[in-house]
Amino acid sequence: EVKFLEAYRAQDKAETLLGAMSAQALAASLLDWHLEAYFDAVADLERQVDHLEDKVLLRPNGRMALGRMTGLKRQVSRLRSLLASQRRVFYGLARPDFLLVAESAASAHYVALVARYERAIDEVEHLHDLVVGSFELFTSRTTLDTNELVKALTFLTVVIGLCAAIAGLFGMNFDADILQTGNRGFYGIVVAQGVALIAAAAYVRWKRWL
C-alpha cells in the first residue's frame, strides 16, 4: 500500500473529525499527506548527504564516495521528476474556474496546498544544490590530496637528485686527497647523505609543506 495512505488511516483510530469532512476537504487532506511524504524523503536524503560529506572529509574513498553521490543525485532527480509531473494537478485544483473546489468551503485549503507544493519544489531544488555541493567538496578534497602527493614526490625527487649529485661528485676520476680515504670515506658519505635527508625532511615538516 501507499505509505502516506497507511499513515492517514492510522490516525483515524483515535477520535477525529474525518467523518465530518466534505469530499473536497478530504481530498485536500490526502494531497497534503502525499506532499508530506516528499518532505520526509528530502529530510532522509539530506541526512545521507551530510553523512557522506563527513566521510569525504575524514576518510576519503574515491570510488565509494563517487558512487554514493551518483546514487543520491539519481534519487533527487527522480523526486524532481515526480513533483514536476504533478504540477498541473495541484495548480489545477486551486484555479478559480475549477467549480467543484471554488464553490466549496475547502477552497482556502487548496490555495494553501499549492503553497505547500511550491515549498516542496523548493526543498527538492535545495537538496539538488546540496548534492552538487557534495560533488564540489569531493573534487576539492581530491585536488588537495593530489597536491599533497605532488609535493611529496617533488621532495623525494629533490632528495634523490641531491644524493645522486653527491655520489657523482665523489665518483669523479680525479686523484684528490678526499677521494683516497677508502672505506672510511665511503661510509662517511653515506652517513652525510642520511643526515642531509633527515635534516631536509625535518625542515619540510617544520615548514608544513608536507
N, C-alpha and C. Protein backbone atom coordinates (compact mmCIF):
# COMPACT_ATOMS: atom_id res chain seq x y z
N GLU A 1 0.83 -1.19 0.00
CA GLU A 1 0.00 0.00 0.00
C GLU A 1 0.88 1.26 0.00
N VAL A 2 0.25 2.39 -0.37
CA VAL A 2 0.97 3.66 -0.36
C VAL A 2 1.18 4.09 1.09
N LYS A 3 2.42 4.49 1.40
CA LYS A 3 2.77 4.77 2.80
C LYS A 3 1.96 5.93 3.39
N PHE A 4 1.76 7.00 2.60
CA PHE A 4 1.05 8.14 3.18
C PHE A 4 -0.41 7.81 3.44
N LEU A 5 -0.98 6.87 2.66
CA LEU A 5 -2.34 6.43 2.93
C LEU A 5 -2.41 5.58 4.20
N GLU A 6 -1.36 4.78 4.42
CA GLU A 6 -1.31 3.99 5.65
C GLU A 6 -1.23 4.91 6.87
N ALA A 7 -0.40 5.96 6.76
CA ALA A 7 -0.28 6.91 7.88
C ALA A 7 -1.59 7.64 8.10
N TYR A 8 -2.27 7.97 7.02
CA TYR A 8 -3.55 8.67 7.15
C TYR A 8 -4.59 7.78 7.82
N ARG A 9 -4.61 6.53 7.46
CA ARG A 9 -5.56 5.60 8.06
C ARG A 9 -5.23 5.33 9.52
N ALA A 10 -3.93 5.36 9.85
CA ALA A 10 -3.52 5.09 11.23
C ALA A 10 -4.05 6.15 12.18
N GLN A 11 -4.11 7.41 11.73
CA GLN A 11 -4.59 8.47 12.62
C GLN A 11 -6.10 8.39 12.85
N ASP A 12 -6.79 7.62 12.02
CA ASP A 12 -8.25 7.52 12.15
C ASP A 12 -8.67 6.59 13.30
N LYS A 13 -7.69 5.97 13.95
CA LYS A 13 -8.02 5.07 15.05
C LYS A 13 -8.43 5.85 16.29
N ALA A 14 -8.00 7.09 16.39
CA ALA A 14 -8.39 7.93 17.53
C ALA A 14 -9.65 8.70 17.17
N GLU A 15 -10.09 9.53 18.10
CA GLU A 15 -11.28 10.35 17.85
C GLU A 15 -10.90 11.55 17.00
N THR A 16 -11.39 11.58 15.78
CA THR A 16 -11.08 12.67 14.86
C THR A 16 -12.37 13.15 14.20
N LEU A 17 -12.22 14.17 13.37
CA LEU A 17 -13.36 14.73 12.63
C LEU A 17 -13.34 14.31 11.17
N LEU A 18 -12.64 13.21 10.88
CA LEU A 18 -12.53 12.79 9.49
C LEU A 18 -13.88 12.48 8.87
N GLY A 19 -14.76 11.90 9.66
CA GLY A 19 -16.06 11.53 9.11
C GLY A 19 -16.92 12.72 8.76
N ALA A 20 -16.64 13.86 9.34
CA ALA A 20 -17.45 15.06 9.08
C ALA A 20 -16.90 15.90 7.95
N MET A 21 -15.79 15.49 7.36
CA MET A 21 -15.17 16.28 6.30
C MET A 21 -15.92 16.11 4.99
N SER A 22 -15.94 17.19 4.21
CA SER A 22 -16.52 17.11 2.87
C SER A 22 -15.55 16.38 1.94
N ALA A 23 -16.05 16.03 0.78
CA ALA A 23 -15.20 15.33 -0.19
C ALA A 23 -14.02 16.20 -0.62
N GLN A 24 -14.27 17.50 -0.80
CA GLN A 24 -13.20 18.40 -1.20
C GLN A 24 -12.14 18.53 -0.11
N ALA A 25 -12.58 18.65 1.15
CA ALA A 25 -11.64 18.77 2.26
C ALA A 25 -10.85 17.48 2.44
N LEU A 26 -11.51 16.35 2.26
CA LEU A 26 -10.82 15.06 2.37
C LEU A 26 -9.74 14.93 1.31
N ALA A 27 -10.06 15.34 0.08
CA ALA A 27 -9.07 15.28 -1.00
C ALA A 27 -7.89 16.19 -0.70
N ALA A 28 -8.16 17.39 -0.17
CA ALA A 28 -7.08 18.31 0.18
C ALA A 28 -6.21 17.72 1.27
N SER A 29 -6.83 17.07 2.25
CA SER A 29 -6.08 16.47 3.34
C SER A 29 -5.19 15.34 2.83
N LEU A 30 -5.72 14.51 1.95
CA LEU A 30 -4.93 13.40 1.39
C LEU A 30 -3.76 13.92 0.57
N LEU A 31 -3.99 14.96 -0.21
CA LEU A 31 -2.90 15.54 -1.00
C LEU A 31 -1.82 16.15 -0.11
N ASP A 32 -2.24 16.72 1.02
CA ASP A 32 -1.27 17.28 1.96
C ASP A 32 -0.40 16.17 2.56
N TRP A 33 -1.03 15.06 2.91
CA TRP A 33 -0.26 13.91 3.40
C TRP A 33 0.66 13.37 2.31
N HIS A 34 0.20 13.42 1.09
CA HIS A 34 1.03 12.99 -0.04
C HIS A 34 2.29 13.85 -0.14
N LEU A 35 2.14 15.16 0.01
CA LEU A 35 3.30 16.05 -0.03
C LEU A 35 4.22 15.81 1.16
N GLU A 36 3.64 15.47 2.30
CA GLU A 36 4.46 15.22 3.49
C GLU A 36 5.43 14.07 3.25
N ALA A 37 5.03 13.11 2.44
CA ALA A 37 5.93 12.00 2.10
C ALA A 37 7.16 12.51 1.36
N TYR A 38 6.99 13.53 0.52
CA TYR A 38 8.14 14.12 -0.17
C TYR A 38 9.05 14.85 0.80
N PHE A 39 8.47 15.56 1.75
CA PHE A 39 9.29 16.25 2.75
C PHE A 39 10.10 15.23 3.56
N ASP A 40 9.49 14.11 3.90
CA ASP A 40 10.22 13.07 4.64
C ASP A 40 11.36 12.51 3.80
N ALA A 41 11.11 12.30 2.51
CA ALA A 41 12.15 11.79 1.62
C ALA A 41 13.31 12.78 1.50
N VAL A 42 12.98 14.07 1.41
CA VAL A 42 14.02 15.10 1.33
C VAL A 42 14.86 15.12 2.60
N ALA A 43 14.21 15.04 3.76
CA ALA A 43 14.93 15.05 5.03
C ALA A 43 15.87 13.85 5.13
N ASP A 44 15.41 12.69 4.68
CA ASP A 44 16.24 11.49 4.72
C ASP A 44 17.44 11.63 3.79
N LEU A 45 17.24 12.15 2.60
CA LEU A 45 18.35 12.34 1.66
C LEU A 45 19.33 13.39 2.16
N GLU A 46 18.83 14.43 2.83
CA GLU A 46 19.73 15.44 3.40
C GLU A 46 20.64 14.82 4.45
N ARG A 47 20.09 13.93 5.27
CA ARG A 47 20.92 13.24 6.27
C ARG A 47 21.98 12.38 5.58
N GLN A 48 21.62 11.74 4.50
CA GLN A 48 22.59 10.92 3.77
C GLN A 48 23.70 11.79 3.17
N VAL A 49 23.33 12.95 2.65
CA VAL A 49 24.33 13.86 2.08
C VAL A 49 25.29 14.34 3.17
N ASP A 50 24.76 14.73 4.33
CA ASP A 50 25.61 15.18 5.43
C ASP A 50 26.56 14.08 5.87
N HIS A 51 26.05 12.86 5.99
CA HIS A 51 26.89 11.73 6.40
C HIS A 51 27.98 11.46 5.38
N LEU A 52 27.63 11.55 4.10
CA LEU A 52 28.61 11.31 3.04
C LEU A 52 29.69 12.38 3.03
N GLU A 53 29.31 13.63 3.24
CA GLU A 53 30.30 14.71 3.26
C GLU A 53 31.26 14.55 4.44
N ASP A 54 30.74 14.09 5.58
CA ASP A 54 31.62 13.83 6.72
C ASP A 54 32.63 12.75 6.38
N LYS A 55 32.21 11.70 5.70
CA LYS A 55 33.11 10.62 5.33
C LYS A 55 34.14 11.10 4.31
N VAL A 56 33.73 11.98 3.40
CA VAL A 56 34.67 12.51 2.41
C VAL A 56 35.76 13.32 3.10
N LEU A 57 35.38 14.10 4.12
CA LEU A 57 36.35 14.93 4.82
C LEU A 57 37.28 14.12 5.72
N LEU A 58 36.74 13.08 6.36
CA LEU A 58 37.52 12.32 7.33
C LEU A 58 38.26 11.15 6.70
N ARG A 59 37.56 10.35 5.93
CA ARG A 59 38.16 9.16 5.34
C ARG A 59 37.75 9.07 3.87
N PRO A 60 38.40 9.85 3.04
CA PRO A 60 38.00 9.86 1.63
C PRO A 60 38.25 8.52 0.94
N ASN A 61 37.28 8.08 0.19
CA ASN A 61 37.39 6.86 -0.62
C ASN A 61 36.76 7.19 -1.97
N GLY A 62 37.60 7.41 -2.95
CA GLY A 62 37.14 7.95 -4.22
C GLY A 62 36.00 7.20 -4.86
N ARG A 63 36.17 5.90 -5.06
CA ARG A 63 35.14 5.13 -5.76
C ARG A 63 33.85 5.04 -4.95
N MET A 64 33.99 4.80 -3.64
CA MET A 64 32.81 4.69 -2.79
C MET A 64 32.04 6.00 -2.77
N ALA A 65 32.75 7.10 -2.52
CA ALA A 65 32.09 8.41 -2.41
C ALA A 65 31.43 8.80 -3.73
N LEU A 66 32.13 8.59 -4.82
CA LEU A 66 31.57 8.98 -6.12
C LEU A 66 30.34 8.14 -6.46
N GLY A 67 30.39 6.86 -6.11
CA GLY A 67 29.22 6.02 -6.35
C GLY A 67 28.02 6.43 -5.53
N ARG A 68 28.26 6.77 -4.24
CA ARG A 68 27.17 7.22 -3.38
C ARG A 68 26.58 8.53 -3.89
N MET A 69 27.45 9.45 -4.31
CA MET A 69 26.96 10.74 -4.81
C MET A 69 26.12 10.56 -6.07
N THR A 70 26.56 9.67 -6.94
CA THR A 70 25.79 9.40 -8.16
C THR A 70 24.42 8.83 -7.81
N GLY A 71 24.39 7.93 -6.83
CA GLY A 71 23.11 7.37 -6.40
C GLY A 71 22.19 8.41 -5.80
N LEU A 72 22.74 9.31 -4.98
CA LEU A 72 21.94 10.38 -4.39
C LEU A 72 21.40 11.32 -5.46
N LYS A 73 22.25 11.65 -6.41
CA LYS A 73 21.80 12.54 -7.49
C LYS A 73 20.67 11.90 -8.29
N ARG A 74 20.76 10.60 -8.48
CA ARG A 74 19.71 9.90 -9.21
C ARG A 74 18.39 9.94 -8.43
N GLN A 75 18.46 9.78 -7.11
CA GLN A 75 17.25 9.83 -6.30
C GLN A 75 16.63 11.22 -6.30
N VAL A 76 17.48 12.24 -6.21
CA VAL A 76 16.97 13.62 -6.23
C VAL A 76 16.32 13.93 -7.58
N SER A 77 16.94 13.47 -8.64
CA SER A 77 16.36 13.69 -9.98
C SER A 77 14.99 13.03 -10.09
N ARG A 78 14.85 11.86 -9.48
CA ARG A 78 13.56 11.17 -9.52
C ARG A 78 12.51 11.97 -8.73
N LEU A 79 12.90 12.51 -7.57
CA LEU A 79 11.96 13.33 -6.79
C LEU A 79 11.52 14.55 -7.59
N ARG A 80 12.47 15.22 -8.23
CA ARG A 80 12.14 16.40 -9.03
C ARG A 80 11.18 16.04 -10.15
N SER A 81 11.44 14.91 -10.79
CA SER A 81 10.58 14.49 -11.90
C SER A 81 9.17 14.16 -11.42
N LEU A 82 9.07 13.47 -10.28
CA LEU A 82 7.75 13.11 -9.75
C LEU A 82 6.95 14.34 -9.36
N LEU A 83 7.60 15.29 -8.69
CA LEU A 83 6.89 16.50 -8.29
C LEU A 83 6.48 17.34 -9.50
N ALA A 84 7.39 17.44 -10.47
CA ALA A 84 7.07 18.24 -11.66
C ALA A 84 5.89 17.65 -12.43
N SER A 85 5.77 16.33 -12.42
CA SER A 85 4.67 15.70 -13.15
C SER A 85 3.31 15.96 -12.50
N GLN A 86 3.30 16.42 -11.25
CA GLN A 86 2.06 16.68 -10.53
C GLN A 86 1.69 18.16 -10.50
N ARG A 87 2.44 18.97 -11.19
CA ARG A 87 2.20 20.42 -11.14
C ARG A 87 0.79 20.78 -11.63
N ARG A 88 0.36 20.18 -12.70
CA ARG A 88 -0.96 20.51 -13.24
C ARG A 88 -2.08 20.13 -12.27
N VAL A 89 -1.87 19.06 -11.52
CA VAL A 89 -2.90 18.62 -10.56
C VAL A 89 -3.07 19.66 -9.47
N PHE A 90 -1.97 20.06 -8.83
CA PHE A 90 -2.06 20.99 -7.71
C PHE A 90 -2.51 22.38 -8.16
N TYR A 91 -1.93 22.87 -9.24
CA TYR A 91 -2.32 24.19 -9.71
C TYR A 91 -3.74 24.19 -10.28
N GLY A 92 -4.13 23.08 -10.89
CA GLY A 92 -5.47 23.00 -11.46
C GLY A 92 -6.56 23.01 -10.40
N LEU A 93 -6.32 22.35 -9.26
CA LEU A 93 -7.32 22.32 -8.20
C LEU A 93 -7.54 23.69 -7.57
N ALA A 94 -6.53 24.55 -7.62
CA ALA A 94 -6.64 25.87 -7.00
C ALA A 94 -7.10 26.95 -7.96
N ARG A 95 -7.32 26.60 -9.22
CA ARG A 95 -7.78 27.61 -10.18
C ARG A 95 -9.21 28.03 -9.87
N PRO A 96 -9.52 29.29 -10.07
CA PRO A 96 -10.89 29.76 -9.78
C PRO A 96 -11.95 29.17 -10.70
N ASP A 97 -11.54 28.61 -11.84
CA ASP A 97 -12.53 28.04 -12.75
C ASP A 97 -12.84 26.58 -12.44
N PHE A 98 -12.16 26.03 -11.43
CA PHE A 98 -12.46 24.66 -11.03
C PHE A 98 -13.60 24.72 -10.01
N LEU A 99 -14.83 24.66 -10.50
CA LEU A 99 -16.02 24.95 -9.69
C LEU A 99 -16.20 23.99 -8.53
N LEU A 100 -15.79 22.74 -8.71
CA LEU A 100 -16.01 21.76 -7.65
C LEU A 100 -15.33 22.18 -6.36
N VAL A 101 -14.20 22.90 -6.50
CA VAL A 101 -13.47 23.38 -5.33
C VAL A 101 -13.79 24.83 -5.05
N ALA A 102 -13.84 25.64 -6.11
CA ALA A 102 -14.01 27.08 -5.94
C ALA A 102 -15.29 27.43 -5.19
N GLU A 103 -16.34 26.65 -5.38
CA GLU A 103 -17.61 26.96 -4.73
C GLU A 103 -17.80 26.22 -3.41
N SER A 104 -16.74 25.60 -2.93
CA SER A 104 -16.85 24.86 -1.66
C SER A 104 -16.11 25.62 -0.57
N ALA A 105 -16.35 25.18 0.68
CA ALA A 105 -15.67 25.81 1.81
C ALA A 105 -14.22 25.40 1.90
N ALA A 106 -13.81 24.43 1.08
CA ALA A 106 -12.43 23.92 1.13
C ALA A 106 -11.49 24.65 0.19
N SER A 107 -11.97 25.69 -0.50
CA SER A 107 -11.13 26.37 -1.48
C SER A 107 -9.86 26.94 -0.85
N ALA A 108 -9.97 27.45 0.37
CA ALA A 108 -8.79 28.01 1.04
C ALA A 108 -7.74 26.93 1.29
N HIS A 109 -8.20 25.70 1.54
CA HIS A 109 -7.26 24.61 1.77
C HIS A 109 -6.43 24.32 0.52
N TYR A 110 -7.04 24.46 -0.63
CA TYR A 110 -6.33 24.18 -1.87
C TYR A 110 -5.33 25.29 -2.21
N VAL A 111 -5.65 26.51 -1.85
CA VAL A 111 -4.69 27.60 -2.03
C VAL A 111 -3.46 27.35 -1.15
N ALA A 112 -3.71 26.94 0.10
CA ALA A 112 -2.60 26.61 1.00
C ALA A 112 -1.84 25.38 0.49
N LEU A 113 -2.56 24.46 -0.13
CA LEU A 113 -1.93 23.25 -0.65
C LEU A 113 -0.96 23.58 -1.79
N VAL A 114 -1.34 24.54 -2.62
CA VAL A 114 -0.44 24.97 -3.70
C VAL A 114 0.83 25.58 -3.12
N ALA A 115 0.68 26.39 -2.08
CA ALA A 115 1.86 26.98 -1.44
C ALA A 115 2.75 25.89 -0.86
N ARG A 116 2.15 24.87 -0.28
CA ARG A 116 2.93 23.76 0.27
C ARG A 116 3.61 22.96 -0.84
N TYR A 117 2.93 22.82 -1.96
CA TYR A 117 3.54 22.15 -3.11
C TYR A 117 4.76 22.92 -3.61
N GLU A 118 4.64 24.24 -3.70
CA GLU A 118 5.77 25.06 -4.13
C GLU A 118 6.92 24.97 -3.15
N ARG A 119 6.59 24.87 -1.86
CA ARG A 119 7.64 24.69 -0.86
C ARG A 119 8.35 23.35 -1.06
N ALA A 120 7.58 22.32 -1.40
CA ALA A 120 8.19 21.01 -1.66
C ALA A 120 9.14 21.09 -2.85
N ILE A 121 8.74 21.82 -3.88
CA ILE A 121 9.62 22.01 -5.04
C ILE A 121 10.91 22.70 -4.61
N ASP A 122 10.79 23.75 -3.78
CA ASP A 122 11.97 24.47 -3.31
C ASP A 122 12.88 23.57 -2.48
N GLU A 123 12.28 22.72 -1.66
CA GLU A 123 13.08 21.81 -0.83
C GLU A 123 13.87 20.83 -1.70
N VAL A 124 13.24 20.32 -2.73
CA VAL A 124 13.93 19.39 -3.62
C VAL A 124 15.04 20.10 -4.39
N GLU A 125 14.79 21.34 -4.82
CA GLU A 125 15.83 22.11 -5.51
C GLU A 125 17.01 22.38 -4.58
N HIS A 126 16.70 22.69 -3.32
CA HIS A 126 17.77 22.89 -2.33
C HIS A 126 18.56 21.61 -2.13
N LEU A 127 17.87 20.49 -2.09
CA LEU A 127 18.54 19.20 -1.95
C LEU A 127 19.44 18.93 -3.15
N HIS A 128 18.97 19.29 -4.33
CA HIS A 128 19.79 19.14 -5.53
C HIS A 128 21.07 19.97 -5.42
N ASP A 129 20.95 21.18 -4.90
CA ASP A 129 22.14 22.03 -4.70
C ASP A 129 23.09 21.40 -3.70
N LEU A 130 22.55 20.75 -2.66
CA LEU A 130 23.40 20.08 -1.67
C LEU A 130 24.19 18.95 -2.31
N VAL A 131 23.54 18.19 -3.16
CA VAL A 131 24.23 17.08 -3.82
C VAL A 131 25.32 17.60 -4.75
N VAL A 132 25.01 18.67 -5.50
CA VAL A 132 26.03 19.29 -6.35
C VAL A 132 27.19 19.80 -5.50
N GLY A 133 26.86 20.38 -4.34
CA GLY A 133 27.91 20.85 -3.44
C GLY A 133 28.78 19.72 -2.93
N SER A 134 28.18 18.54 -2.72
CA SER A 134 28.98 17.40 -2.27
C SER A 134 29.95 16.95 -3.36
N PHE A 135 29.53 17.06 -4.62
CA PHE A 135 30.45 16.77 -5.72
C PHE A 135 31.61 17.76 -5.70
N GLU A 136 31.32 19.03 -5.47
CA GLU A 136 32.38 20.04 -5.42
C GLU A 136 33.31 19.80 -4.24
N LEU A 137 32.74 19.38 -3.10
CA LEU A 137 33.57 19.06 -1.94
C LEU A 137 34.48 17.88 -2.24
N PHE A 138 33.94 16.87 -2.89
CA PHE A 138 34.74 15.70 -3.26
C PHE A 138 35.87 16.10 -4.21
N THR A 139 35.55 16.96 -5.18
CA THR A 139 36.57 17.42 -6.13
C THR A 139 37.66 18.21 -5.42
N SER A 140 37.26 19.08 -4.48
CA SER A 140 38.24 19.87 -3.74
C SER A 140 39.14 18.98 -2.90
N ARG A 141 38.54 17.97 -2.24
CA ARG A 141 39.33 17.07 -1.41
C ARG A 141 40.29 16.25 -2.27
N THR A 142 39.82 15.80 -3.43
CA THR A 142 40.69 15.05 -4.33
C THR A 142 41.84 15.91 -4.83
N THR A 143 41.54 17.17 -5.16
CA THR A 143 42.60 18.09 -5.59
C THR A 143 43.61 18.32 -4.49
N LEU A 144 43.13 18.47 -3.25
CA LEU A 144 44.04 18.66 -2.12
C LEU A 144 44.94 17.46 -1.93
N ASP A 145 44.37 16.26 -2.00
CA ASP A 145 45.18 15.04 -1.85
C ASP A 145 46.20 14.92 -2.98
N THR A 146 45.79 15.30 -4.19
CA THR A 146 46.72 15.25 -5.32
C THR A 146 47.87 16.23 -5.13
N ASN A 147 47.56 17.43 -4.62
CA ASN A 147 48.61 18.41 -4.36
C ASN A 147 49.59 17.91 -3.31
N GLU A 148 49.07 17.25 -2.27
CA GLU A 148 49.95 16.69 -1.24
C GLU A 148 50.86 15.62 -1.83
N LEU A 149 50.31 14.80 -2.71
CA LEU A 149 51.12 13.76 -3.34
C LEU A 149 52.19 14.36 -4.24
N VAL A 150 51.82 15.40 -4.98
CA VAL A 150 52.79 16.06 -5.86
C VAL A 150 53.91 16.68 -5.04
N LYS A 151 53.57 17.30 -3.90
CA LYS A 151 54.61 17.88 -3.05
C LYS A 151 55.54 16.81 -2.50
N ALA A 152 54.98 15.68 -2.11
CA ALA A 152 55.81 14.59 -1.59
C ALA A 152 56.74 14.05 -2.68
N LEU A 153 56.21 13.89 -3.89
CA LEU A 153 57.04 13.40 -4.99
C LEU A 153 58.12 14.41 -5.35
N THR A 154 57.78 15.70 -5.30
CA THR A 154 58.78 16.74 -5.58
C THR A 154 59.90 16.70 -4.55
N PHE A 155 59.54 16.57 -3.28
CA PHE A 155 60.55 16.48 -2.23
C PHE A 155 61.43 15.25 -2.43
N LEU A 156 60.82 14.11 -2.75
CA LEU A 156 61.58 12.89 -2.97
C LEU A 156 62.52 13.04 -4.16
N THR A 157 62.06 13.70 -5.21
CA THR A 157 62.90 13.90 -6.39
C THR A 157 64.10 14.78 -6.06
N VAL A 158 63.88 15.83 -5.28
CA VAL A 158 64.97 16.72 -4.89
C VAL A 158 66.01 15.98 -4.06
N VAL A 159 65.54 15.17 -3.10
CA VAL A 159 66.46 14.43 -2.24
C VAL A 159 67.27 13.43 -3.05
N ILE A 160 66.59 12.69 -3.93
CA ILE A 160 67.31 11.72 -4.75
C ILE A 160 68.31 12.42 -5.66
N GLY A 161 67.91 13.56 -6.22
CA GLY A 161 68.83 14.31 -7.06
C GLY A 161 70.04 14.81 -6.28
N LEU A 162 69.83 15.24 -5.03
CA LEU A 162 70.95 15.70 -4.20
C LEU A 162 71.90 14.56 -3.90
N CYS A 163 71.34 13.40 -3.54
CA CYS A 163 72.19 12.25 -3.25
C CYS A 163 72.95 11.81 -4.49
N ALA A 164 72.29 11.83 -5.63
CA ALA A 164 72.96 11.45 -6.88
C ALA A 164 74.07 12.43 -7.23
N ALA A 165 73.84 13.72 -6.96
CA ALA A 165 74.87 14.72 -7.23
C ALA A 165 76.09 14.51 -6.35
N ILE A 166 75.86 14.20 -5.07
CA ILE A 166 76.98 13.95 -4.16
C ILE A 166 77.74 12.70 -4.58
N ALA A 167 76.99 11.64 -4.91
CA ALA A 167 77.64 10.41 -5.34
C ALA A 167 78.42 10.62 -6.63
N GLY A 168 77.85 11.40 -7.56
CA GLY A 168 78.54 11.67 -8.80
C GLY A 168 79.79 12.51 -8.58
N LEU A 169 79.73 13.45 -7.64
CA LEU A 169 80.89 14.29 -7.35
C LEU A 169 82.05 13.47 -6.82
N PHE A 170 81.75 12.55 -5.91
CA PHE A 170 82.83 11.75 -5.34
C PHE A 170 83.19 10.56 -6.22
N GLY A 171 82.43 10.37 -7.28
CA GLY A 171 82.79 9.30 -8.21
C GLY A 171 83.59 9.81 -9.39
N MET A 172 83.96 11.07 -9.37
CA MET A 172 84.75 11.63 -10.46
C MET A 172 86.15 11.03 -10.46
N ASN A 173 86.72 10.87 -11.62
CA ASN A 173 88.01 10.19 -11.78
C ASN A 173 89.17 11.18 -11.61
N PHE A 174 89.32 11.67 -10.35
CA PHE A 174 90.43 12.55 -10.01
C PHE A 174 91.13 11.97 -8.79
N ASP A 175 92.44 12.25 -8.68
CA ASP A 175 93.21 11.75 -7.54
C ASP A 175 93.27 12.76 -6.42
N ALA A 176 92.14 13.36 -6.10
CA ALA A 176 92.10 14.31 -4.99
C ALA A 176 92.26 13.56 -3.67
N ASP A 177 92.85 14.23 -2.69
CA ASP A 177 93.09 13.58 -1.40
C ASP A 177 91.81 13.09 -0.74
N ILE A 178 90.72 13.86 -0.92
CA ILE A 178 89.46 13.50 -0.26
C ILE A 178 88.87 12.21 -0.83
N LEU A 179 89.35 11.85 -2.07
CA LEU A 179 88.84 10.64 -2.69
C LEU A 179 89.69 9.42 -2.36
N GLN A 180 90.72 9.59 -1.58
CA GLN A 180 91.62 8.49 -1.25
C GLN A 180 91.43 8.00 0.18
N THR A 181 90.24 8.13 0.70
CA THR A 181 90.00 7.76 2.10
C THR A 181 89.46 6.35 2.27
N GLY A 182 89.23 5.62 1.20
CA GLY A 182 88.82 4.23 1.28
C GLY A 182 87.43 4.06 1.87
N ASN A 183 87.31 2.97 2.66
CA ASN A 183 86.00 2.65 3.26
C ASN A 183 85.52 3.75 4.19
N ARG A 184 86.45 4.35 4.88
CA ARG A 184 86.06 5.42 5.81
C ARG A 184 85.37 6.56 5.07
N GLY A 185 85.88 6.92 3.93
CA GLY A 185 85.25 7.98 3.14
C GLY A 185 83.89 7.56 2.61
N PHE A 186 83.80 6.27 2.19
CA PHE A 186 82.52 5.78 1.66
C PHE A 186 81.43 5.85 2.72
N TYR A 187 81.74 5.31 3.91
CA TYR A 187 80.73 5.33 4.97
C TYR A 187 80.44 6.75 5.44
N GLY A 188 81.45 7.60 5.37
CA GLY A 188 81.23 8.99 5.74
C GLY A 188 80.24 9.67 4.81
N ILE A 189 80.37 9.39 3.50
CA ILE A 189 79.45 9.96 2.53
C ILE A 189 78.03 9.43 2.74
N VAL A 190 77.92 8.13 3.02
CA VAL A 190 76.60 7.54 3.26
C VAL A 190 75.93 8.18 4.47
N VAL A 191 76.71 8.35 5.54
CA VAL A 191 76.16 8.98 6.75
C VAL A 191 75.77 10.43 6.47
N ALA A 192 76.62 11.13 5.72
CA ALA A 192 76.32 12.53 5.40
C ALA A 192 75.04 12.65 4.59
N GLN A 193 74.85 11.72 3.65
CA GLN A 193 73.62 11.74 2.86
C GLN A 193 72.40 11.46 3.74
N GLY A 194 72.54 10.51 4.67
CA GLY A 194 71.44 10.21 5.58
C GLY A 194 71.09 11.40 6.45
N VAL A 195 72.12 12.07 6.97
CA VAL A 195 71.89 13.25 7.81
C VAL A 195 71.21 14.35 7.00
N ALA A 196 71.68 14.54 5.76
CA ALA A 196 71.08 15.57 4.90
C ALA A 196 69.61 15.24 4.62
N LEU A 197 69.32 13.96 4.41
CA LEU A 197 67.94 13.55 4.15
C LEU A 197 67.05 13.81 5.36
N ILE A 198 67.54 13.46 6.55
CA ILE A 198 66.76 13.68 7.77
C ILE A 198 66.55 15.18 8.02
N ALA A 199 67.61 15.96 7.80
CA ALA A 199 67.51 17.40 8.00
C ALA A 199 66.51 18.02 7.03
N ALA A 200 66.55 17.57 5.78
CA ALA A 200 65.62 18.11 4.78
C ALA A 200 64.18 17.74 5.14
N ALA A 201 63.97 16.49 5.58
CA ALA A 201 62.62 16.06 5.96
C ALA A 201 62.12 16.85 7.16
N ALA A 202 63.01 17.08 8.14
CA ALA A 202 62.61 17.85 9.33
C ALA A 202 62.27 19.29 8.96
N TYR A 203 63.02 19.87 8.04
CA TYR A 203 62.76 21.24 7.63
C TYR A 203 61.42 21.33 6.90
N VAL A 204 61.16 20.37 6.04
CA VAL A 204 59.89 20.37 5.30
C VAL A 204 58.71 20.22 6.25
N ARG A 205 58.85 19.35 7.26
CA ARG A 205 57.77 19.17 8.23
C ARG A 205 57.60 20.43 9.08
N TRP A 206 58.71 21.07 9.42
CA TRP A 206 58.64 22.30 10.22
C TRP A 206 57.93 23.41 9.45
N LYS A 207 58.17 23.48 8.15
CA LYS A 207 57.51 24.47 7.31
C LYS A 207 56.09 24.05 6.92
N ARG A 208 55.72 22.83 7.30
CA ARG A 208 54.40 22.27 7.00
C ARG A 208 54.11 22.24 5.50
N TRP A 209 55.14 21.91 4.75
CA TRP A 209 54.94 21.74 3.32
C TRP A 209 54.35 20.37 3.00
N LEU A 210 54.54 19.43 3.92
CA LEU A 210 54.01 18.08 3.75
C LEU A 210 53.27 17.67 5.00
